[in-house]
Amino acid sequence: MEYAPVKPPITVEDLQKVDIRIGTILTVEEVPGSRKLVSLGVDFGDHQRTVLAGLKQEREDPSEIIGRQSLFVMNLPPRTMAGHTSEGMLFDIGYEDGICPVLAIPEKAVPNGSRAG
């Protein structure tokens, strides 16, 4: 594997702007007409959100992540893709490096909505 260079420095204040939280994936549904996207129903404790993720080509069975906790970026503006709105971003590991992505998960279960940082 070829390692990417470390990105330029940011301030602690920049990092504190990113709201990353734990959510439990409740549902995984196909997005009609999309080759890549699935729609995740995610429980964040005090509310649920729909998050679109490009998992169709990364996993033989995207539904295998139902019931798993993972990290999500919460404070991105809603984004419409393939006619559906995503209310966050799944924070996975590996995609940018060209390897099969894996979920960024806590070492043990924590309350949904818990913040990373």
C-alpha atoms as a PDB file:
ATOM      1  CA  MET A   1       0.000   0.000   0.000  1.00  0.00           C
ATOM      2  CA  GLU A   2       1.206   3.475  -0.818  1.00  0.00           C
ATOM      3  CA  TYR A   3       0.679   5.806   2.114  1.00  0.00           C
ATOM      4  CA  ALA A   4      -0.849   9.232   1.578  1.00  0.00           C
ATOM      5  CA  PRO A   5       1.028  12.224   2.949  1.00  0.00           C
ATOM      6  CA  VAL A   6      -0.253  13.774   6.159  1.00  0.00           C
ATOM      7  CA  LYS A   7      -2.578  16.680   5.417  1.00  0.00           C
ATOM      8  CA  PRO A   8      -1.566  20.257   6.364  1.00  0.00           C
ATOM      9  CA  PRO A   9      -1.954  21.218  10.035  1.00  0.00           C
ATOM     10  CA  ILE A  10      -5.274  22.512  11.340  1.00  0.00           C
ATOM     11  CA  THR A  11      -6.096  24.214  14.607  1.00  0.00           C
ATOM     12  CA  VAL A  12      -7.880  22.621  17.542  1.00  0.00           C
ATOM     13  CA  GLU A  13     -10.669  25.106  16.838  1.00  0.00           C
ATOM     14  CA  ASP A  14     -11.026  23.710  13.288  1.00  0.00           C
ATOM     15  CA  LEU A  15     -11.263  20.180  14.638  1.00  0.00           C
ATOM     16  CA  GLN A  16     -13.848  21.202  17.232  1.00  0.00           C
ATOM     17  CA  LYS A  17     -16.140  22.393  14.425  1.00  0.00           C
ATOM     18  CA  VAL A  18     -16.647  18.795  13.213  1.00  0.00           C
ATOM     19  CA  ASP A  19     -19.472  17.059  15.082  1.00  0.00           C
ATOM     20  CA  ILE A  20     -18.743  13.306  15.011  1.00  0.00           C
ATOM     21  CA  ARG A  21     -21.138  11.044  16.915  1.00  0.00           C
ATOM     22  CA  ILE A  22     -21.969   7.393  17.439  1.00  0.00           C
ATOM     23  CA  GLY A  23     -25.131   6.026  15.886  1.00  0.00           C
ATOM     24  CA  THR A  24     -26.623   2.570  15.545  1.00  0.00           C
ATOM     25  CA  ILE A  25     -27.538   1.514  12.025  1.00  0.00           C
ATOM     26  CA  LEU A  26     -31.168   0.366  12.133  1.00  0.00           C
ATOM     27  CA  THR A  27     -31.914  -0.130   8.437  1.00  0.00           C
ATOM     28  CA  VAL A  28     -30.067  -0.474   5.140  1.00  0.00           C
ATOM     29  CA  GLU A  29     -32.170   0.039   2.014  1.00  0.00           C
ATOM     30  CA  GLU A  30     -31.292   0.240  -1.657  1.00  0.00           C
ATOM     31  CA  VAL A  31     -31.528   3.634  -3.338  1.00  0.00           C
ATOM     32  CA  PRO A  32     -33.407   2.969  -6.589  1.00  0.00           C
ATOM     33  CA  GLY A  33     -31.469   4.016  -9.678  1.00  0.00           C
ATOM     34  CA  SER A  34     -28.115   4.266  -7.910  1.00  0.00           C
ATOM     35  CA  ARG A  35     -25.222   1.890  -8.582  1.00  0.00           C
ATOM     36  CA  LYS A  36     -23.452   2.807  -5.317  1.00  0.00           C
ATOM     37  CA  LEU A  37     -25.800   4.269  -2.730  1.00  0.00           C
ATOM     38  CA  VAL A  38     -27.734   2.697   0.104  1.00  0.00           C
ATOM     39  CA  SER A  39     -29.908   4.562   2.575  1.00  0.00           C
ATOM     40  CA  LEU A  40     -29.054   4.006   6.239  1.00  0.00           C
ATOM     41  CA  GLY A  41     -31.599   4.634   8.974  1.00  0.00           C
ATOM     42  CA  VAL A  42     -29.498   5.620  11.982  1.00  0.00           C
ATOM     43  CA  ASP A  43     -30.449   6.051  15.659  1.00  0.00           C
ATOM     44  CA  PHE A  44     -28.596   8.878  17.403  1.00  0.00           C
ATOM     45  CA  GLY A  45     -30.356   8.520  20.743  1.00  0.00           C
ATOM     46  CA  ASP A  46     -32.556  11.609  20.745  1.00  0.00           C
ATOM     47  CA  HIS A  47     -33.424  11.365  17.037  1.00  0.00           C
ATOM     48  CA  GLN A  48     -33.009   9.310  13.875  1.00  0.00           C
ATOM     49  CA  ARG A  49     -31.534  10.382  10.563  1.00  0.00           C
ATOM     50  CA  THR A  50     -31.184   9.094   7.037  1.00  0.00           C
ATOM     51  CA  VAL A  51     -27.587   8.887   5.842  1.00  0.00           C
ATOM     52  CA  LEU A  52     -26.709   7.860   2.293  1.00  0.00           C
ATOM     53  CA  ALA A  53     -23.522   5.856   1.850  1.00  0.00           C
ATOM     54  CA  GLY A  54     -21.813   4.331  -1.183  1.00  0.00           C
ATOM     55  CA  LEU A  55     -21.755   0.767   0.111  1.00  0.00           C
ATOM     56  CA  LYS A  56     -23.309  -1.210  -2.766  1.00  0.00           C
ATOM     57  CA  GLN A  57     -20.018  -1.852  -4.547  1.00  0.00           C
ATOM     58  CA  GLU A  58     -17.984  -2.144  -1.335  1.00  0.00           C
ATOM     59  CA  ARG A  59     -19.881  -4.962   0.358  1.00  0.00           C
ATOM     60  CA  GLU A  60     -21.454  -8.134  -0.938  1.00  0.00           C
ATOM     61  CA  ASP A  61     -24.313  -7.666   1.539  1.00  0.00           C
ATOM     62  CA  PRO A  62     -24.633  -4.097   2.860  1.00  0.00           C
ATOM     63  CA  SER A  63     -27.347  -5.240   5.296  1.00  0.00           C
ATOM     64  CA  GLU A  64     -24.624  -6.992   7.346  1.00  0.00           C
ATOM     65  CA  ILE A  65     -24.032  -3.680   9.162  1.00  0.00           C
ATOM     66  CA  ILE A  66     -27.571  -3.498  10.587  1.00  0.00           C
ATOM     67  CA  GLY A  67     -27.321  -3.283  14.374  1.00  0.00           C
ATOM     68  CA  ARG A  68     -23.719  -2.027  14.320  1.00  0.00           C
ATOM     69  CA  GLN A  69     -22.592   1.221  15.878  1.00  0.00           C
ATOM     70  CA  SER A  70     -20.376   3.514  13.836  1.00  0.00           C
ATOM     71  CA  LEU A  71     -19.119   7.085  13.694  1.00  0.00           C
ATOM     72  CA  PHE A  72     -21.008   9.680  11.645  1.00  0.00           C
ATOM     73  CA  VAL A  73     -20.307  13.304  10.752  1.00  0.00           C
ATOM     74  CA  MET A  74     -23.423  15.160  11.899  1.00  0.00           C
ATOM     75  CA  ASN A  75     -23.004  18.813  10.970  1.00  0.00           C
ATOM     76  CA  LEU A  76     -22.677  18.681   7.199  1.00  0.00           C
ATOM     77  CA  PRO A  77     -25.525  20.412   5.360  1.00  0.00           C
ATOM     78  CA  PRO A  78     -28.164  18.019   3.956  1.00  0.00           C
ATOM     79  CA  ARG A  79     -27.165  16.755   0.512  1.00  0.00           C
ATOM     80  CA  THR A  80     -29.408  15.380  -2.214  1.00  0.00           C
ATOM     81  CA  MET A  81     -28.042  12.396  -4.129  1.00  0.00           C
ATOM     82  CA  ALA A  82     -29.990  10.218  -6.575  1.00  0.00           C
ATOM     83  CA  GLY A  83     -33.141  12.066  -5.552  1.00  0.00           C
ATOM     84  CA  HIS A  84     -32.730  11.287  -1.822  1.00  0.00           C
ATOM     85  CA  THR A  85     -31.477  13.501   0.994  1.00  0.00           C
ATOM     86  CA  SER A  86     -28.575  12.535   3.228  1.00  0.00           C
ATOM     87  CA  GLU A  87     -28.456  14.088   6.704  1.00  0.00           C
ATOM     88  CA  GLY A  88     -24.865  13.216   7.594  1.00  0.00           C
ATOM     89  CA  MET A  89     -21.884  11.150   6.502  1.00  0.00           C
ATOM     90  CA  LEU A  90     -20.779   7.676   7.509  1.00  0.00           C
ATOM     91  CA  PHE A  91     -17.225   7.960   8.830  1.00  0.00           C
ATOM     92  CA  ASP A  92     -15.473   4.890   7.455  1.00  0.00           C
ATOM     93  CA  ILE A  93     -11.847   3.849   7.085  1.00  0.00           C
ATOM     94  CA  GLY A  94     -10.025   2.847   3.924  1.00  0.00           C
ATOM     95  CA  TYR A  95     -12.022   4.282   1.011  1.00  0.00           C
ATOM     96  CA  GLU A  96      -9.616   7.164   0.357  1.00  0.00           C
ATOM     97  CA  ASP A  97      -6.722   4.667   0.318  1.00  0.00           C
ATOM     98  CA  GLY A  98      -8.347   2.374  -2.222  1.00  0.00           C
ATOM     99  CA  ILE A  99      -8.929  -0.506   0.184  1.00  0.00           C
ATOM    100  CA  CYS A 100     -12.259  -2.083   1.057  1.00  0.00           C
ATOM    101  CA  PRO A 101     -13.714   0.295   3.660  1.00  0.00           C
ATOM    102  CA  VAL A 102     -14.549  -0.765   7.198  1.00  0.00           C
ATOM    103  CA  LEU A 103     -16.738   0.956   9.761  1.00  0.00           C
ATOM    104  CA  ALA A 104     -15.154   3.209  12.375  1.00  0.00           C
ATOM    105  CA  ILE A 105     -16.605   1.568  15.485  1.00  0.00           C
ATOM    106  CA  PRO A 106     -16.198   1.960  19.249  1.00  0.00           C
ATOM    107  CA  GLU A 107     -14.352  -0.806  21.114  1.00  0.00           C
ATOM    108  CA  LYS A 108     -17.501  -1.407  23.160  1.00  0.00           C
ATOM    109  CA  ALA A 109     -21.092  -0.207  22.961  1.00  0.00           C
ATOM    110  CA  VAL A 110     -21.685   3.401  24.006  1.00  0.00           C
ATOM    111  CA  PRO A 111     -24.912   5.428  24.117  1.00  0.00           C
ATOM    112  CA  ASN A 112     -26.119   6.567  20.701  1.00  0.00           C
ATOM    113  CA  GLY A 113     -25.338  10.239  20.193  1.00  0.00           C
ATOM    114  CA  SER A 114     -22.046  10.070  22.120  1.00  0.00           C
ATOM    115  CA  ARG A 115     -19.552  12.534  20.657  1.00  0.00           C
ATOM    116  CA  ALA A 116     -16.070  11.719  19.392  1.00  0.00           C
ATOM    117  CA  GLY A 117     -13.264  14.062  20.269  1.00  0.00           C
END
